[in-house]
Amino acid sequence: MHTYRTLIFKLIDYAWAIPNTALGILLGLVMLALGGRVHIVAGVAEFHGGHVGNFFASRPPPFCFGAVTLGHVILGTCHKELCALRAHEHVHVKQYEQWGVFFLPAYALSSLWEILHGRNGYSNNFFERQAYREDDKQKL
């Protein structure tokens, strides 16, 4: 009975995040078409590498990144970065499951709030602080 209930809630989590996941899959398919790869890890599609990964890995800050999460999809610059950032990015997956279609606007508003108050829009973002806290707990 517990497994059945868990499965139902997991399906709801996936459905609630599906608009963001669909965007991630679309971008992931572009990565695949340009030489990237994909692996499924803990129910999350992780796309990495190829020309898109190389492009973003070589950008100057703030336009470079190691990985970005869209629903149940993580887009990474390379496999090594995905491995290093996996715990952090999987916290974002959980945030998408909680916030669903409202995650991206909430994330943007949190960054805007921090910028308007003279703080860093990334490192002070509510969702990033939560992800770094959870990531740090997992490393202990």
Protein backbone atom coordinates (compact mmCIF):
# COMPACT_ATOMS: atom_id res chain seq x y z
CA MET A 1 0.00 0.00 0.00
CA HIS A 2 2.80 2.43 0.89
CA THR A 3 4.54 1.82 -2.45
CA TYR A 4 1.33 2.48 -4.38
CA ARG A 5 0.78 5.77 -2.53
CA THR A 6 4.42 6.78 -3.10
CA LEU A 7 4.07 6.04 -6.83
CA ILE A 8 0.92 8.19 -7.09
CA PHE A 9 2.62 11.14 -5.37
CA LYS A 10 5.71 10.76 -7.57
CA LEU A 11 3.51 10.84 -10.69
CA ILE A 12 1.87 14.01 -9.37
CA ASP A 13 5.35 15.52 -8.82
CA TYR A 14 6.29 14.75 -12.44
CA ALA A 15 3.00 16.12 -13.79
CA TRP A 16 3.26 19.33 -11.73
CA ALA A 17 6.75 20.02 -13.14
CA ILE A 18 6.01 18.91 -16.72
CA PRO A 19 5.87 22.36 -18.40
CA ASN A 20 9.40 23.06 -17.14
CA THR A 21 10.52 19.52 -17.94
CA ALA A 22 9.20 19.90 -21.50
CA LEU A 23 11.34 23.02 -21.94
CA GLY A 24 14.33 21.12 -20.57
CA ILE A 25 13.73 18.20 -22.93
CA LEU A 26 13.49 20.57 -25.89
CA LEU A 27 16.82 22.19 -24.99
CA GLY A 28 18.28 18.76 -24.26
CA LEU A 29 17.31 17.56 -27.73
CA VAL A 30 19.17 20.55 -29.18
CA MET A 31 22.19 19.50 -27.13
CA LEU A 32 21.90 15.94 -28.47
CA ALA A 33 21.64 17.21 -32.05
CA LEU A 34 24.85 19.18 -31.47
CA GLY A 35 26.87 16.26 -30.15
CA GLY A 36 25.69 16.01 -26.54
CA ARG A 37 24.75 12.94 -24.54
CA VAL A 38 22.00 12.01 -22.11
CA HIS A 39 21.82 9.73 -19.07
CA ILE A 40 18.95 9.06 -16.69
CA VAL A 41 19.99 9.39 -13.03
CA ALA A 42 17.43 8.93 -10.23
CA GLY A 43 14.54 9.64 -12.61
CA VAL A 44 16.11 12.80 -14.03
CA ALA A 45 17.35 13.23 -17.62
CA GLU A 46 20.88 14.66 -17.53
CA PHE A 47 22.04 16.12 -20.85
CA HIS A 48 25.64 17.20 -21.23
CA GLY A 49 28.46 18.02 -23.59
CA GLY A 50 28.57 18.66 -27.29
CA HIS A 51 28.83 22.10 -28.81
CA VAL A 52 26.26 23.62 -26.43
CA GLY A 53 28.11 22.38 -23.37
CA ASN A 54 31.42 23.67 -24.73
CA PHE A 55 29.86 27.03 -25.57
CA PHE A 56 28.51 27.66 -22.06
CA ALA A 57 31.60 26.30 -20.34
CA SER A 58 33.74 28.84 -22.20
CA ARG A 59 31.58 31.96 -21.55
CA PRO A 60 32.77 34.60 -19.09
CA PRO A 61 30.76 35.07 -15.87
CA PRO A 62 27.84 35.53 -15.45
CA PHE A 63 27.05 33.78 -18.75
CA CYS A 64 28.87 30.54 -17.96
CA PHE A 65 27.42 27.73 -15.89
CA GLY A 66 28.17 24.15 -14.95
CA ALA A 67 24.57 22.96 -14.97
CA VAL A 68 21.02 24.26 -14.98
CA THR A 69 17.84 22.43 -14.01
CA LEU A 70 14.47 22.61 -15.77
CA GLY A 71 11.94 20.34 -14.10
CA HIS A 72 13.21 16.77 -14.29
CA VAL A 73 15.97 17.71 -16.74
CA ILE A 74 19.50 18.87 -15.94
CA LEU A 75 21.56 20.49 -18.68
CA GLY A 76 25.26 20.35 -17.96
CA THR A 77 28.39 21.48 -19.72
CA CYS A 78 30.08 18.08 -19.34
CA HIS A 79 29.75 14.77 -17.51
CA LYS A 80 32.38 15.77 -14.91
CA GLU A 81 30.44 18.95 -14.01
CA LEU A 82 27.20 16.99 -13.73
CA CYS A 83 28.81 14.58 -11.29
CA ALA A 84 30.20 17.45 -9.21
CA LEU A 85 26.90 19.39 -9.21
CA ARG A 86 24.41 16.50 -9.13
CA ALA A 87 23.37 16.81 -5.46
CA HIS A 88 22.83 20.58 -5.81
CA GLU A 89 20.87 20.23 -9.05
CA HIS A 90 18.71 17.44 -7.62
CA VAL A 91 17.65 19.85 -4.86
CA HIS A 92 16.38 22.09 -7.67
CA VAL A 93 14.46 19.10 -9.08
CA LYS A 94 12.71 18.78 -5.69
CA GLN A 95 11.98 22.53 -5.78
CA TYR A 96 10.34 22.11 -9.19
CA GLU A 97 8.25 19.30 -7.73
CA GLN A 98 7.09 21.65 -4.97
CA TRP A 99 6.61 24.83 -7.01
CA GLY A 100 5.67 23.37 -10.41
CA VAL A 101 4.92 25.97 -13.07
CA PHE A 102 5.55 28.73 -10.52
CA PHE A 103 9.20 27.82 -9.97
CA LEU A 104 10.76 29.86 -12.79
CA PRO A 105 8.81 33.06 -11.99
CA ALA A 106 9.49 32.62 -8.26
CA TYR A 107 13.20 32.06 -8.94
CA ALA A 108 13.35 35.18 -11.14
CA LEU A 109 11.49 37.27 -8.55
CA SER A 110 13.83 36.08 -5.80
CA SER A 111 16.84 37.12 -7.89
CA LEU A 112 15.24 40.46 -8.73
CA TRP A 113 14.46 41.09 -5.05
CA GLU A 114 18.08 40.46 -4.10
CA ILE A 115 19.42 42.68 -6.89
CA LEU A 116 17.07 45.51 -5.94
CA HIS A 117 18.37 45.26 -2.38
CA GLY A 118 22.00 45.47 -3.50
CA ARG A 119 22.77 41.77 -3.12
CA ASN A 120 23.92 39.11 -5.58
CA GLY A 121 20.93 37.76 -7.53
CA TYR A 122 22.39 34.26 -7.71
CA SER A 123 24.14 33.57 -4.43
CA ASN A 124 21.45 35.29 -2.37
CA ASN A 125 18.55 33.76 -4.30
CA PHE A 126 16.24 31.87 -1.91
CA PHE A 127 16.28 28.73 -4.07
CA GLU A 128 20.06 28.71 -4.47
CA ARG A 129 20.63 29.18 -0.74
CA GLN A 130 18.29 26.26 -0.06
CA ALA A 131 20.06 24.08 -2.65
CA TYR A 132 23.51 24.88 -1.23
CA ARG A 133 22.29 24.12 2.32
CA GLU A 134 20.86 20.75 1.29
CA ASP A 135 23.95 19.97 -0.79
CA ASP A 136 26.18 20.76 2.20
CA LYS A 137 24.08 18.44 4.42
CA GLN A 138 24.52 15.58 1.95
CA LYS A 139 28.29 16.06 1.93
CA LEU A 140 28.54 15.63 5.71
